[in-house]
Amino acid sequence: MKRNQTYCLQCGLPLVGRADKKYCDDGCRNSYHNARMMDANKICRPYHRSLKQNYSLLFDHLQAGQSLVHKDELMLHGFDPKMSTTFELMEDGTLCYGVYDLEYFELKDRYIQIRHCPAPKPPGWAR
């Protein structure tokens, strides 16, 4: 009995081997999935880049022992105050922003207080 021939989803070459095989090799599999996700990555990439930039700036200042930095200095180096991963209202009414495991909030005279906090576990991971 002759089976129907299957072809690689990426390059179209005939497949040899398992009956459920979809790609001729790892290169074709990677190319197929990269092309499929290209539109989603185009949307997310600028946001991730800005978040990484903000995190890097805040982390570098914190590592240098500077937990208090002027907002203008951060913005001069590419800090985008609109890009954060979390925010919450503190008891005194101040908005506290977070970028991954770092928190920052604005004080008087445009100074930013930076502090390290443990990254929260996603819901459902607690045991």
PDB file of N, CA and C in Angstrom:
ATOM      1  N   MET A   1       0.843  -1.170   0.000  1.00  0.00           N
ATOM      2  CA  MET A   1       0.000   0.000   0.000  1.00  0.00           C
ATOM      3  C   MET A   1       0.892   1.238   0.000  1.00  0.00           C
ATOM      4  N   LYS A   2       0.606   2.177  -0.878  1.00  0.00           N
ATOM      5  CA  LYS A   2       1.423   3.382  -1.019  1.00  0.00           C
ATOM      6  C   LYS A   2       0.797   4.508  -0.200  1.00  0.00           C
ATOM      7  N   ARG A   3       1.668   5.197   0.595  1.00  0.00           N
ATOM      8  CA  ARG A   3       1.207   6.326   1.406  1.00  0.00           C
ATOM      9  C   ARG A   3       1.271   7.606   0.592  1.00  0.00           C
ATOM     10  N   ASN A   4       0.515   8.610   1.050  1.00  0.00           N
ATOM     11  CA  ASN A   4       0.631   9.942   0.452  1.00  0.00           C
ATOM     12  C   ASN A   4       1.958  10.543   0.886  1.00  0.00           C
ATOM     13  N   GLN A   5       2.647  11.177  -0.035  1.00  0.00           N
ATOM     14  CA  GLN A   5       3.928  11.827   0.269  1.00  0.00           C
ATOM     15  C   GLN A   5       3.655  13.129   1.026  1.00  0.00           C
ATOM     16  N   THR A   6       4.411  13.385   2.099  1.00  0.00           N
ATOM     17  CA  THR A   6       4.298  14.654   2.824  1.00  0.00           C
ATOM     18  C   THR A   6       5.512  15.510   2.505  1.00  0.00           C
ATOM     19  N   TYR A   7       5.337  16.824   2.643  1.00  0.00           N
ATOM     20  CA  TYR A   7       6.385  17.774   2.284  1.00  0.00           C
ATOM     21  C   TYR A   7       6.676  18.708   3.449  1.00  0.00           C
ATOM     22  N   CYS A   8       7.900  19.189   3.512  1.00  0.00           N
ATOM     23  CA  CYS A   8       8.333  20.116   4.555  1.00  0.00           C
ATOM     24  C   CYS A   8       7.491  21.388   4.484  1.00  0.00           C
ATOM     25  N   LEU A   9       6.991  21.843   5.628  1.00  0.00           N
ATOM     26  CA  LEU A   9       6.157  23.049   5.664  1.00  0.00           C
ATOM     27  C   LEU A   9       6.934  24.314   5.309  1.00  0.00           C
ATOM     28  N   GLN A  10       8.253  24.294   5.467  1.00  0.00           N
ATOM     29  CA  GLN A  10       9.057  25.486   5.191  1.00  0.00           C
ATOM     30  C   GLN A  10       9.583  25.496   3.755  1.00  0.00           C
ATOM     31  N   CYS A  11      10.300  24.457   3.363  1.00  0.00           N
ATOM     32  CA  CYS A  11      10.978  24.484   2.054  1.00  0.00           C
ATOM     33  C   CYS A  11      10.268  23.678   0.976  1.00  0.00           C
ATOM     34  N   GLY A  12       9.340  22.809   1.354  1.00  0.00           N
ATOM     35  CA  GLY A  12       8.581  22.044   0.373  1.00  0.00           C
ATOM     36  C   GLY A  12       9.241  20.769  -0.113  1.00  0.00           C
ATOM     37  N   LEU A  13      10.387  20.395   0.422  1.00  0.00           N
ATOM     38  CA  LEU A  13      11.046  19.152   0.012  1.00  0.00           C
ATOM     39  C   LEU A  13      10.285  17.948   0.563  1.00  0.00           C
ATOM     40  N   PRO A  14      10.314  16.808  -0.150  1.00  0.00           N
ATOM     41  CA  PRO A  14       9.639  15.598   0.352  1.00  0.00           C
ATOM     42  C   PRO A  14      10.292  15.123   1.659  1.00  0.00           C
ATOM     43  N   LEU A  15       9.459  14.646   2.578  1.00  0.00           N
ATOM     44  CA  LEU A  15       9.942  14.191   3.885  1.00  0.00           C
ATOM     45  C   LEU A  15      10.131  12.688   3.893  1.00  0.00           C
ATOM     46  N   VAL A  16      11.199  12.264   4.553  1.00  0.00           N
ATOM     47  CA  VAL A  16      11.486  10.845   4.713  1.00  0.00           C
ATOM     48  C   VAL A  16      11.605  10.589   6.211  1.00  0.00           C
ATOM     49  N   GLY A  17      10.969   9.522   6.688  1.00  0.00           N
ATOM     50  CA  GLY A  17      11.071   9.194   8.105  1.00  0.00           C
ATOM     51  C   GLY A  17       9.706   9.001   8.727  1.00  0.00           C
ATOM     52  N   ARG A  18       9.524   9.521   9.900  1.00  0.00           N
ATOM     53  CA  ARG A  18       8.283   9.341  10.648  1.00  0.00           C
ATOM     54  C   ARG A  18       7.080   9.850   9.865  1.00  0.00           C
ATOM     55  N   ALA A  19       5.947   9.249  10.133  1.00  0.00           N
ATOM     56  CA  ALA A  19       4.724   9.613   9.413  1.00  0.00           C
ATOM     57  C   ALA A  19       4.218  10.996   9.810  1.00  0.00           C
ATOM     58  N   ASP A  20       4.516  11.423  11.048  1.00  0.00           N
ATOM     59  CA  ASP A  20       4.022  12.718  11.513  1.00  0.00           C
ATOM     60  C   ASP A  20       5.065  13.830  11.389  1.00  0.00           C
ATOM     61  N   LYS A  21       6.125  13.585  10.655  1.00  0.00           N
ATOM     62  CA  LYS A  21       7.192  14.571  10.476  1.00  0.00           C
ATOM     63  C   LYS A  21       6.670  15.757   9.659  1.00  0.00           C
ATOM     64  N   LYS A  22       7.027  16.999  10.073  1.00  0.00           N
ATOM     65  CA  LYS A  22       6.541  18.199   9.390  1.00  0.00           C
ATOM     66  C   LYS A  22       7.643  18.997   8.716  1.00  0.00           C
ATOM     67  N   TYR A  23       8.882  18.846   9.185  1.00  0.00           N
ATOM     68  CA  TYR A  23      10.008  19.636   8.665  1.00  0.00           C
ATOM     69  C   TYR A  23      11.153  18.695   8.335  1.00  0.00           C
ATOM     70  N   CYS A  24      11.959  19.098   7.353  1.00  0.00           N
ATOM     71  CA  CYS A  24      13.063  18.219   6.953  1.00  0.00           C
ATOM     72  C   CYS A  24      14.234  18.287   7.929  1.00  0.00           C
ATOM     73  N   ASP A  25      14.416  19.419   8.641  1.00  0.00           N
ATOM     74  CA  ASP A  25      15.494  19.528   9.619  1.00  0.00           C
ATOM     75  C   ASP A  25      15.194  20.654  10.609  1.00  0.00           C
ATOM     76  N   ASP A  26      16.080  20.830  11.584  1.00  0.00           N
ATOM     77  CA  ASP A  26      15.884  21.864  12.610  1.00  0.00           C
ATOM     78  C   ASP A  26      15.904  23.263  12.018  1.00  0.00           C
ATOM     79  N   GLY A  27      16.710  23.472  10.987  1.00  0.00           N
ATOM     80  CA  GLY A  27      16.778  24.792  10.352  1.00  0.00           C
ATOM     81  C   GLY A  27      15.443  25.200   9.764  1.00  0.00           C
ATOM     82  N   CYS A  28      14.789  24.280   9.071  1.00  0.00           N
ATOM     83  CA  CYS A  28      13.473  24.576   8.495  1.00  0.00           C
ATOM     84  C   CYS A  28      12.426  24.787   9.591  1.00  0.00           C
ATOM     85  N   ARG A  29      12.506  23.983  10.648  1.00  0.00           N
ATOM     86  CA  ARG A  29      11.559  24.143  11.759  1.00  0.00           C
ATOM     87  C   ARG A  29      11.707  25.526  12.396  1.00  0.00           C
ATOM     88  N   ASN A  30      12.960  25.937  12.650  1.00  0.00           N
ATOM     89  CA  ASN A  30      13.203  27.263  13.236  1.00  0.00           C
ATOM     90  C   ASN A  30      12.757  28.376  12.305  1.00  0.00           C
ATOM     91  N   SER A  31      13.076  28.262  11.019  1.00  0.00           N
ATOM     92  CA  SER A  31      12.681  29.295  10.051  1.00  0.00           C
ATOM     93  C   SER A  31      11.170  29.431   9.975  1.00  0.00           C
ATOM     94  N   TYR A  32      10.469  28.300   9.986  1.00  0.00           N
ATOM     95  CA  TYR A  32       9.009  28.309   9.915  1.00  0.00           C
ATOM     96  C   TYR A  32       8.410  29.049  11.108  1.00  0.00           C
ATOM     97  N   HIS A  33       8.878  28.710  12.313  1.00  0.00           N
ATOM     98  CA  HIS A  33       8.320  29.333  13.522  1.00  0.00           C
ATOM     99  C   HIS A  33       8.746  30.794  13.653  1.00  0.00           C
ATOM    100  N   ASN A  34       9.974  31.125  13.247  1.00  0.00           N
ATOM    101  CA  ASN A  34      10.406  32.525  13.288  1.00  0.00           C
ATOM    102  C   ASN A  34       9.566  33.375  12.348  1.00  0.00           C
ATOM    103  N   ALA A  35       9.286  32.872  11.153  1.00  0.00           N
ATOM    104  CA  ALA A  35       8.466  33.619  10.193  1.00  0.00           C
ATOM    105  C   ALA A  35       7.038  33.775  10.712  1.00  0.00           C
ATOM    106  N   ARG A  36       6.548  32.739  11.381  1.00  0.00           N
ATOM    107  CA  ARG A  36       5.190  32.779  11.922  1.00  0.00           C
ATOM    108  C   ARG A  36       5.053  33.810  13.042  1.00  0.00           C
ATOM    109  N   MET A  37       6.101  33.980  13.842  1.00  0.00           N
ATOM    110  CA  MET A  37       6.048  34.886  14.985  1.00  0.00           C
ATOM    111  C   MET A  37       6.574  36.286  14.670  1.00  0.00           C
ATOM    112  N   MET A  38       6.969  36.544  13.429  1.00  0.00           N
ATOM    113  CA  MET A  38       7.598  37.806  13.075  1.00  0.00           C
ATOM    114  C   MET A  38       6.691  39.008  13.378  1.00  0.00           C
ATOM    115  N   ASP A  39       5.407  38.926  13.050  1.00  0.00           N
ATOM    116  CA  ASP A  39       4.501  40.050  13.290  1.00  0.00           C
ATOM    117  C   ASP A  39       4.347  40.349  14.776  1.00  0.00           C
ATOM    118  N   ALA A  40       4.202  39.310  15.585  1.00  0.00           N
ATOM    119  CA  ALA A  40       4.073  39.507  17.031  1.00  0.00           C
ATOM    120  C   ALA A  40       5.357  40.092  17.604  1.00  0.00           C
ATOM    121  N   ASN A  41       6.504  39.627  17.125  1.00  0.00           N
ATOM    122  CA  ASN A  41       7.781  40.136  17.622  1.00  0.00           C
ATOM    123  C   ASN A  41       7.985  41.598  17.239  1.00  0.00           C
ATOM    124  N   LYS A  42       7.509  42.001  16.072  1.00  0.00           N
ATOM    125  CA  LYS A  42       7.635  43.404  15.654  1.00  0.00           C
ATOM    126  C   LYS A  42       6.885  44.319  16.609  1.00  0.00           C
ATOM    127  N   ILE A  43       5.786  43.839  17.146  1.00  0.00           N
ATOM    128  CA  ILE A  43       4.985  44.645  18.070  1.00  0.00           C
ATOM    129  C   ILE A  43       5.652  44.712  19.442  1.00  0.00           C
ATOM    130  N   CYS A  44       6.150  43.590  19.934  1.00  0.00           N
ATOM    131  CA  CYS A  44       6.698  43.506  21.291  1.00  0.00           C
ATOM    132  C   CYS A  44       8.118  44.049  21.417  1.00  0.00           C
ATOM    133  N   ARG A  45       8.901  43.939  20.378  1.00  0.00           N
ATOM    134  CA  ARG A  45      10.328  44.264  20.459  1.00  0.00           C
ATOM    135  C   ARG A  45      10.611  45.671  20.992  1.00  0.00           C
ATOM    136  N   PRO A  46       9.948  46.736  20.521  1.00  0.00           N
ATOM    137  CA  PRO A  46      10.264  48.079  21.052  1.00  0.00           C
ATOM    138  C   PRO A  46       9.958  48.216  22.549  1.00  0.00           C
ATOM    139  N   TYR A  47       8.902  47.565  23.015  1.00  0.00           N
ATOM    140  CA  TYR A  47       8.558  47.637  24.435  1.00  0.00           C
ATOM    141  C   TYR A  47       9.610  46.922  25.283  1.00  0.00           C
ATOM    142  N   HIS A  48      10.023  45.746  24.844  1.00  0.00           N
ATOM    143  CA  HIS A  48      11.052  45.009  25.572  1.00  0.00           C
ATOM    144  C   HIS A  48      12.370  45.779  25.585  1.00  0.00           C
ATOM    145  N   ARG A  49      12.681  46.427  24.477  1.00  0.00           N
ATOM    146  CA  ARG A  49      13.921  47.213  24.400  1.00  0.00           C
ATOM    147  C   ARG A  49      13.880  48.367  25.402  1.00  0.00           C
ATOM    148  N   SER A  50      12.754  49.061  25.488  1.00  0.00           N
ATOM    149  CA  SER A  50      12.619  50.175  26.436  1.00  0.00           C
ATOM    150  C   SER A  50      12.672  49.695  27.880  1.00  0.00           C
ATOM    151  N   LEU A  51      12.033  48.571  28.165  1.00  0.00           N
ATOM    152  CA  LEU A  51      12.068  48.019  29.521  1.00  0.00           C
ATOM    153  C   LEU A  51      13.485  47.617  29.908  1.00  0.00           C
ATOM    154  N   LYS A  52      14.216  46.995  28.977  1.00  0.00           N
ATOM    155  CA  LYS A  52      15.605  46.621  29.255  1.00  0.00           C
ATOM    156  C   LYS A  52      16.467  47.845  29.491  1.00  0.00           C
ATOM    157  N   GLN A  53      16.235  48.899  28.711  1.00  0.00           N
ATOM    158  CA  GLN A  53      17.006  50.145  28.867  1.00  0.00           C
ATOM    159  C   GLN A  53      16.734  50.748  30.247  1.00  0.00           C
ATOM    160  N   ASN A  54      15.464  50.845  30.629  1.00  0.00           N
ATOM    161  CA  ASN A  54      15.109  51.389  31.938  1.00  0.00           C
ATOM    162  C   ASN A  54      15.727  50.555  33.058  1.00  0.00           C
ATOM    163  N   TYR A  55      15.613  49.237  32.946  1.00  0.00           N
ATOM    164  CA  TYR A  55      16.149  48.359  33.977  1.00  0.00           C
ATOM    165  C   TYR A  55      17.657  48.537  34.093  1.00  0.00           C
ATOM    166  N   SER A  56      18.327  48.578  32.967  1.00  0.00           N
ATOM    167  CA  SER A  56      19.779  48.704  32.959  1.00  0.00           C
ATOM    168  C   SER A  56      20.225  50.004  33.626  1.00  0.00           C
ATOM    169  N   LEU A  57      19.561  51.104  33.303  1.00  0.00           N
ATOM    170  CA  LEU A  57      19.921  52.395  33.907  1.00  0.00           C
ATOM    171  C   LEU A  57      19.709  52.381  35.421  1.00  0.00           C
ATOM    172  N   LEU A  58      18.545  51.896  35.845  1.00  0.00           N
ATOM    173  CA  LEU A  58      18.250  51.854  37.279  1.00  0.00           C
ATOM    174  C   LEU A  58      19.206  50.907  38.008  1.00  0.00           C
ATOM    175  N   PHE A  59      19.452  49.747  37.430  1.00  0.00           N
ATOM    176  CA  PHE A  59      20.323  48.756  38.053  1.00  0.00           C
ATOM    177  C   PHE A  59      21.753  49.278  38.175  1.00  0.00           C
ATOM    178  N   ASP A  60      22.258  49.923  37.135  1.00  0.00           N
ATOM    179  CA  ASP A  60      23.622  50.466  37.167  1.00  0.00           C
ATOM    180  C   ASP A  60      23.788  51.500  38.284  1.00  0.00           C
ATOM    181  N   HIS A  61      22.799  52.371  38.453  1.00  0.00           N
ATOM    182  CA  HIS A  61      22.873  53.370  39.526  1.00  0.00           C
ATOM    183  C   HIS A  61      22.808  52.706  40.892  1.00  0.00           C
ATOM    184  N   LEU A  62      21.964  51.703  41.011  1.00  0.00           N
ATOM    185  CA  LEU A  62      21.834  51.007  42.289  1.00  0.00           C
ATOM    186  C   LEU A  62      23.119  50.251  42.625  1.00  0.00           C
ATOM    187  N   GLN A  63      23.737  49.631  41.636  1.00  0.00           N
ATOM    188  CA  GLN A  63      24.995  48.912  41.843  1.00  0.00           C
ATOM    189  C   GLN A  63      26.118  49.867  42.229  1.00  0.00           C
ATOM    190  N   ALA A  64      26.068  51.102  41.729  1.00  0.00           N
ATOM    191  CA  ALA A  64      27.095  52.088  42.051  1.00  0.00           C
ATOM    192  C   ALA A  64      26.845  52.736  43.411  1.00  0.00           C
ATOM    193  N   GLY A  65      25.796  52.305  44.106  1.00  0.00           N
ATOM    194  CA  GLY A  65      25.496  52.839  45.429  1.00  0.00           C
ATOM    195  C   GLY A  65      24.672  54.109  45.395  1.00  0.00           C
ATOM    196  N   GLN A  66      24.096  54.415  44.243  1.00  0.00           N
ATOM    197  CA  GLN A  66      23.266  55.619  44.122  1.00  0.00           C
ATOM    198  C   GLN A  66      21.801  55.206  44.082  1.00  0.00           C
ATOM    199  N   SER A  67      21.140  55.287  45.217  1.00  0.00           N
ATOM    200  CA  SER A  67      19.719  54.953  45.234  1.00  0.00           C
ATOM    201  C   SER A  67      18.856  56.192  44.983  1.00  0.00           C
ATOM    202  N   LEU A  68      19.479  57.349  44.944  1.00  0.00           N
ATOM    203  CA  LEU A  68      18.774  58.602  44.678  1.00  0.00           C
ATOM    204  C   LEU A  68      19.418  59.264  43.459  1.00  0.00           C
ATOM    205  N   VAL A  69      18.645  59.426  42.387  1.00  0.00           N
ATOM    206  CA  VAL A  69      19.160  59.957  41.120  1.00  0.00           C
ATOM    207  C   VAL A  69      18.181  60.997  40.598  1.00  0.00           C
ATOM    208  N   HIS A  70      18.702  62.035  39.973  1.00  0.00           N
ATOM    209  CA  HIS A  70      17.838  63.053  39.387  1.00  0.00           C
ATOM    210  C   HIS A  70      17.191  62.504  38.125  1.00  0.00           C
ATOM    211  N   LYS A  71      15.897  62.768  37.965  1.00  0.00           N
ATOM    212  CA  LYS A  71      15.136  62.248  36.836  1.00  0.00           C
ATOM    213  C   LYS A  71      15.709  62.718  35.502  1.00  0.00           C
ATOM    214  N   ASP A  72      16.181  63.965  35.448  1.00  0.00           N
ATOM    215  CA  ASP A  72      16.740  64.505  34.202  1.00  0.00           C
ATOM    216  C   ASP A  72      17.985  63.739  33.776  1.00  0.00           C
ATOM    217  N   GLU A  73      18.796  63.311  34.750  1.00  0.00           N
ATOM    218  CA  GLU A  73      20.002  62.546  34.430  1.00  0.00           C
ATOM    219  C   GLU A  73      19.630  61.205  33.806  1.00  0.00           C
ATOM    220  N   LEU A  74      18.608  60.542  34.374  1.00  0.00           N
ATOM    221  CA  LEU A  74      18.159  59.268  33.815  1.00  0.00           C
ATOM    222  C   LEU A  74      17.609  59.461  32.402  1.00  0.00           C
ATOM    223  N   MET A  75      16.808  60.486  32.234  1.00  0.00           N
ATOM    224  CA  MET A  75      16.192  60.726  30.929  1.00  0.00           C
ATOM    225  C   MET A  75      17.232  61.106  29.883  1.00  0.00           C
ATOM    226  N   LEU A  76      18.293  61.747  30.300  1.00  0.00           N
ATOM    227  CA  LEU A  76      19.367  62.088  29.380  1.00  0.00           C
ATOM    228  C   LEU A  76      20.023  60.833  28.803  1.00  0.00           C
ATOM    229  N   HIS A  77      20.012  59.750  29.575  1.00  0.00           N
ATOM    230  CA  HIS A  77      20.614  58.490  29.138  1.00  0.00           C
ATOM    231  C   HIS A  77      19.606  57.541  28.491  1.00  0.00           C
ATOM    232  N   GLY A  78      18.373  58.021  28.225  1.00  0.00           N
ATOM    233  CA  GLY A  78      17.392  57.212  27.507  1.00  0.00           C
ATOM    234  C   GLY A  78      16.301  56.597  28.354  1.00  0.00           C
ATOM    235  N   PHE A  79      16.180  56.994  29.606  1.00  0.00           N
ATOM    236  CA  PHE A  79      15.132  56.467  30.487  1.00  0.00           C
ATOM    237  C   PHE A  79      13.761  56.936  29.991  1.00  0.00           C
ATOM    238  N   ASP A  80      12.821  56.022  29.883  1.00  0.00           N
ATOM    239  CA  ASP A  80      11.455  56.351  29.470  1.00  0.00           C
ATOM    240  C   ASP A  80      10.534  56.125  30.663  1.00  0.00           C
ATOM    241  N   PRO A  81      10.071  57.204  31.312  1.00  0.00           N
ATOM    242  CA  PRO A  81       9.270  57.039  32.536  1.00  0.00           C
ATOM    243  C   PRO A  81       7.922  56.362  32.302  1.00  0.00           C
ATOM    244  N   LYS A  82       7.478  56.270  31.056  1.00  0.00           N
ATOM    245  CA  LYS A  82       6.200  55.622  30.770  1.00  0.00           C
ATOM    246  C   LYS A  82       6.308  54.099  30.700  1.00  0.00           C
ATOM    247  N   MET A  83       7.534  53.594  30.659  1.00  0.00           N
ATOM    248  CA  MET A  83       7.722  52.158  30.493  1.00  0.00           C
ATOM    249  C   MET A  83       8.056  51.496  31.833  1.00  0.00           C
ATOM    250  N   SER A  84       7.119  50.736  32.358  1.00  0.00           N
ATOM    251  CA  SER A  84       7.339  49.990  33.595  1.00  0.00           C
ATOM    252  C   SER A  84       6.541  48.697  33.524  1.00  0.00           C
ATOM    253  N   THR A  85       6.885  47.748  34.369  1.00  0.00           N
ATOM    254  CA  THR A  85       6.166  46.479  34.381  1.00  0.00           C
ATOM    255  C   THR A  85       5.036  46.477  35.410  1.00  0.00           C
ATOM    256  N   THR A  86       5.183  47.263  36.475  1.00  0.00           N
ATOM    257  CA  THR A  86       4.139  47.340  37.502  1.00  0.00           C
ATOM    258  C   THR A  86       4.059  48.761  38.047  1.00  0.00           C
ATOM    259  N   PHE A  87       2.975  49.039  38.725  1.00  0.00           N
ATOM    260  CA  PHE A  87       2.867  50.279  39.486  1.00  0.00           C
ATOM    261  C   PHE A  87       1.847  50.063  40.597  1.00  0.00           C
ATOM    262  N   GLU A  88       2.056  50.774  41.685  1.00  0.00           N
ATOM    263  CA  GLU A  88       1.103  50.699  42.791  1.00  0.00           C
ATOM    264  C   GLU A  88       1.100  52.011  43.555  1.00  0.00           C
ATOM    265  N   LEU A  89      -0.007  52.296  44.187  1.00  0.00           N
ATOM    266  CA  LEU A  89      -0.163  53.506  44.974  1.00  0.00           C
ATOM    267  C   LEU A  89       0.303  53.219  46.394  1.00  0.00           C
ATOM    268  N   MET A  90       1.295  53.977  46.863  1.00  0.00           N
ATOM    269  CA  MET A  90       1.808  53.781  48.212  1.00  0.00           C
ATOM    270  C   MET A  90       0.869  54.460  49.215  1.00  0.00           C
ATOM    271  N   GLU A  91       1.069  54.185  50.497  1.00  0.00           N
ATOM    272  CA  GLU A  91       0.188  54.713  51.546  1.00  0.00           C
ATOM    273  C   GLU A  91       0.157  56.235  51.579  1.00  0.00           C
ATOM    274  N   ASP A  92       1.280  56.886  51.220  1.00  0.00           N
ATOM    275  CA  ASP A  92       1.322  58.345  51.264  1.00  0.00           C
ATOM    276  C   ASP A  92       0.798  58.988  49.977  1.00  0.00           C
ATOM    277  N   GLY A  93       0.289  58.176  49.043  1.00  0.00           N
ATOM    278  CA  GLY A  93      -0.281  58.711  47.805  1.00  0.00           C
ATOM    279  C   GLY A  93       0.697  58.780  46.644  1.00  0.00           C
ATOM    280  N   THR A  94       1.914  58.372  46.853  1.00  0.00           N
ATOM    281  CA  THR A  94       2.932  58.384  45.804  1.00  0.00           C
ATOM    282  C   THR A  94       2.785  57.146  44.930  1.00  0.00           C
ATOM    283  N   LEU A  95       2.924  57.330  43.628  1.00  0.00           N
ATOM    284  CA  LEU A  95       2.914  56.185  42.716  1.00  0.00           C
ATOM    285  C   LEU A  95       4.299  55.558  42.686  1.00  0.00           C
ATOM    286  N   CYS A  96       4.354  54.272  42.925  1.00  0.00           N
ATOM    287  CA  CYS A  96       5.613  53.528  42.894  1.00  0.00           C
ATOM    288  C   CYS A  96       5.588  52.634  41.663  1.00  0.00           C
ATOM    289  N   TYR A  97       6.577  52.792  40.802  1.00  0.00           N
ATOM    290  CA  TYR A  97       6.668  52.025  39.563  1.00  0.00           C
ATOM    291  C   TYR A  97       7.677  50.903  39.738  1.00  0.00           C
ATOM    292  N   GLY A  98       7.516  49.848  38.953  1.00  0.00           N
ATOM    293  CA  GLY A  98       8.440  48.737  39.006  1.00  0.00           C
ATOM    294  C   GLY A  98       8.900  48.338  37.622  1.00  0.00           C
ATOM    295  N   VAL A  99      10.169  47.969  37.536  1.00  0.00           N
ATOM    296  CA  VAL A  99      10.715  47.365  36.321  1.00  0.00           C
ATOM    297  C   VAL A  99      11.360  46.068  36.778  1.00  0.00           C
ATOM    298  N   TYR A 100      10.643  44.975  36.554  1.00  0.00           N
ATOM    299  CA  TYR A 100      11.048  43.649  37.004  1.00  0.00           C
ATOM    300  C   TYR A 100      11.277  43.656  38.514  1.00  0.00           C
ATOM    301  N   ASP A 101      12.495  43.492  39.007  1.00  0.00           N
ATOM    302  CA  ASP A 101      12.711  43.405  40.452  1.00  0.00           C
ATOM    303  C   ASP A 101      13.209  44.724  41.056  1.00  0.00           C
ATOM    304  N   LEU A 102      13.057  45.828  40.342  1.00  0.00           N
ATOM    305  CA  LEU A 102      13.430  47.145  40.869  1.00  0.00           C
ATOM    306  C   LEU A 102      12.183  48.017  40.975  1.00  0.00           C
ATOM    307  N   GLU A 103      12.150  48.841  42.012  1.00  0.00           N
ATOM    308  CA  GLU A 103      11.057  49.802  42.187  1.00  0.00           C
ATOM    309  C   GLU A 103      11.643  51.201  42.215  1.00  0.00           C
ATOM    310  N   TYR A 104      10.862  52.174  41.757  1.00  0.00           N
ATOM    311  CA  TYR A 104      11.305  53.566  41.834  1.00  0.00           C
ATOM    312  C   TYR A 104      10.093  54.469  41.985  1.00  0.00           C
ATOM    313  N   PHE A 105      10.307  55.581  42.653  1.00  0.00           N
ATOM    314  CA  PHE A 105       9.251  56.574  42.797  1.00  0.00           C
ATOM    315  C   PHE A 105       9.893  57.950  42.854  1.00  0.00           C
ATOM    316  N   GLU A 106       9.097  58.952  42.470  1.00  0.00           N
ATOM    317  CA  GLU A 106       9.625  60.309  42.380  1.00  0.00           C
ATOM    318  C   GLU A 106       9.436  61.048  43.707  1.00  0.00           C
ATOM    319  N   LEU A 107      10.508  61.719  44.131  1.00  0.00           N
ATOM    320  CA  LEU A 107      10.491  62.537  45.336  1.00  0.00           C
ATOM    321  C   LEU A 107      10.417  64.005  44.937  1.00  0.00           C
ATOM    322  N   LYS A 108      10.616  64.878  45.914  1.00  0.00           N
ATOM    323  CA  LYS A 108      10.635  66.315  45.636  1.00  0.00           C
ATOM    324  C   LYS A 108      11.787  66.659  44.700  1.00  0.00           C
ATOM    325  N   ASP A 109      11.646  67.729  43.977  1.00  0.00           N
ATOM    326  CA  ASP A 109      12.678  68.267  43.090  1.00  0.00           C
ATOM    327  C   ASP A 109      13.123  67.261  42.020  1.00  0.00           C
ATOM    328  N   ARG A 110      12.200  66.405  41.563  1.00  0.00           N
ATOM    329  CA  ARG A 110      12.431  65.470  40.453  1.00  0.00           C
ATOM    330  C   ARG A 110      13.531  64.441  40.736  1.00  0.00           C
ATOM    331  N   TYR A 111      13.745  64.114  41.994  1.00  0.00           N
ATOM    332  CA  TYR A 111      14.679  63.038  42.313  1.00  0.00           C
ATOM    333  C   TYR A 111      13.927  61.720  42.340  1.00  0.00           C
ATOM    334  N   ILE A 112      14.599  60.677  41.902  1.00  0.00           N
ATOM    335  CA  ILE A 112      13.999  59.346  41.856  1.00  0.00           C
ATOM    336  C   ILE A 112      14.703  58.456  42.876  1.00  0.00           C
ATOM    337  N   GLN A 113      13.914  57.821  43.722  1.00  0.00           N
ATOM    338  CA  GLN A 113      14.413  56.861  44.705  1.00  0.00           C
ATOM    339  C   GLN A 113      14.301  55.473  44.095  1.00  0.00           C
ATOM    340  N   ILE A 114      15.404  54.740  44.074  1.00  0.00           N
ATOM    341  CA  ILE A 114      15.440  53.393  43.489  1.00  0.00           C
ATOM    342  C   ILE A 114      15.679  52.391  44.611  1.00  0.00           C
ATOM    343  N   ARG A 115      14.981  51.271  44.555  1.00  0.00           N
ATOM    344  CA  ARG A 115      15.219  50.217  45.536  1.00  0.00           C
ATOM    345  C   ARG A 115      14.972  48.852  44.893  1.00  0.00           C
ATOM    346  N   HIS A 116      15.645  47.893  45.454  1.00  0.00           N
ATOM    347  CA  HIS A 116      15.533  46.516  44.973  1.00  0.00           C
ATOM    348  C   HIS A 116      14.429  45.819  45.751  1.00  0.00           C
ATOM    349  N   CYS A 117      13.610  45.075  45.087  1.00  0.00           N
ATOM    350  CA  CYS A 117      12.584  44.282  45.778  1.00  0.00           C
ATOM    351  C   CYS A 117      12.556  42.902  45.140  1.00  0.00           C
ATOM    352  N   PRO A 118      12.222  41.889  45.901  1.00  0.00           N
ATOM    353  CA  PRO A 118      12.161  40.548  45.319  1.00  0.00           C
ATOM    354  C   PRO A 118      11.044  40.486  44.279  1.00  0.00           C
ATOM    355  N   ALA A 119      11.325  39.835  43.177  1.00  0.00           N
ATOM    356  CA  ALA A 119      10.319  39.704  42.121  1.00  0.00           C
ATOM    357  C   ALA A 119       9.166  38.851  42.636  1.00  0.00           C
ATOM    358  N   PRO A 120       7.931  39.307  42.431  1.00  0.00           N
ATOM    359  CA  PRO A 120       6.794  38.525  42.913  1.00  0.00           C
ATOM    360  C   PRO A 120       6.631  37.258  42.084  1.00  0.00           C
ATOM    361  N   LYS A 121       6.191  36.199  42.742  1.00  0.00           N
ATOM    362  CA  LYS A 121       5.925  34.963  42.032  1.00  0.00           C
ATOM    363  C   LYS A 121       4.586  35.099  41.321  1.00  0.00           C
ATOM    364  N   PRO A 122       4.478  34.583  40.101  1.00  0.00           N
ATOM    365  CA  PRO A 122       3.203  34.630  39.402  1.00  0.00           C
ATOM    366  C   PRO A 122       2.143  33.870  40.168  1.00  0.00           C
ATOM    367  N   PRO A 123       0.868  34.260  40.039  1.00  0.00           N
ATOM    368  CA  PRO A 123      -0.185  33.562  40.758  1.00  0.00           C
ATOM    369  C   PRO A 123      -0.222  32.074  40.392  1.00  0.00           C
ATOM    370  N   GLY A 124      -0.471  31.255  41.385  1.00  0.00           N
ATOM    371  CA  GLY A 124      -0.541  29.817  41.151  1.00  0.00           C
ATOM    372  C   GLY A 124       0.780  29.088  41.359  1.00  0.00           C
ATOM    373  N   TRP A 125       1.875  29.833  41.584  1.00  0.00           N
ATOM    374  CA  TRP A 125       3.172  29.197  41.781  1.00  0.00           C
ATOM    375  C   TRP A 125       3.479  28.960  43.254  1.00  0.00           C
ATOM    376  N   ALA A 126       2.699  29.545  44.140  1.00  0.00           N
ATOM    377  CA  ALA A 126       2.973  29.428  45.585  1.00  0.00           C
ATOM    378  C   ALA A 126       2.615  28.019  46.052  1.00  0.00           C
ATOM    379  N   ARG A 127       3.491  27.483  46.887  1.00  0.00           N
ATOM    380  CA  ARG A 127       3.236  26.148  47.462  1.00  0.00           C
ATOM    381  C   ARG A 127       3.548  26.178  48.919  1.00  0.00           C
TER     382      ARG A 127
END
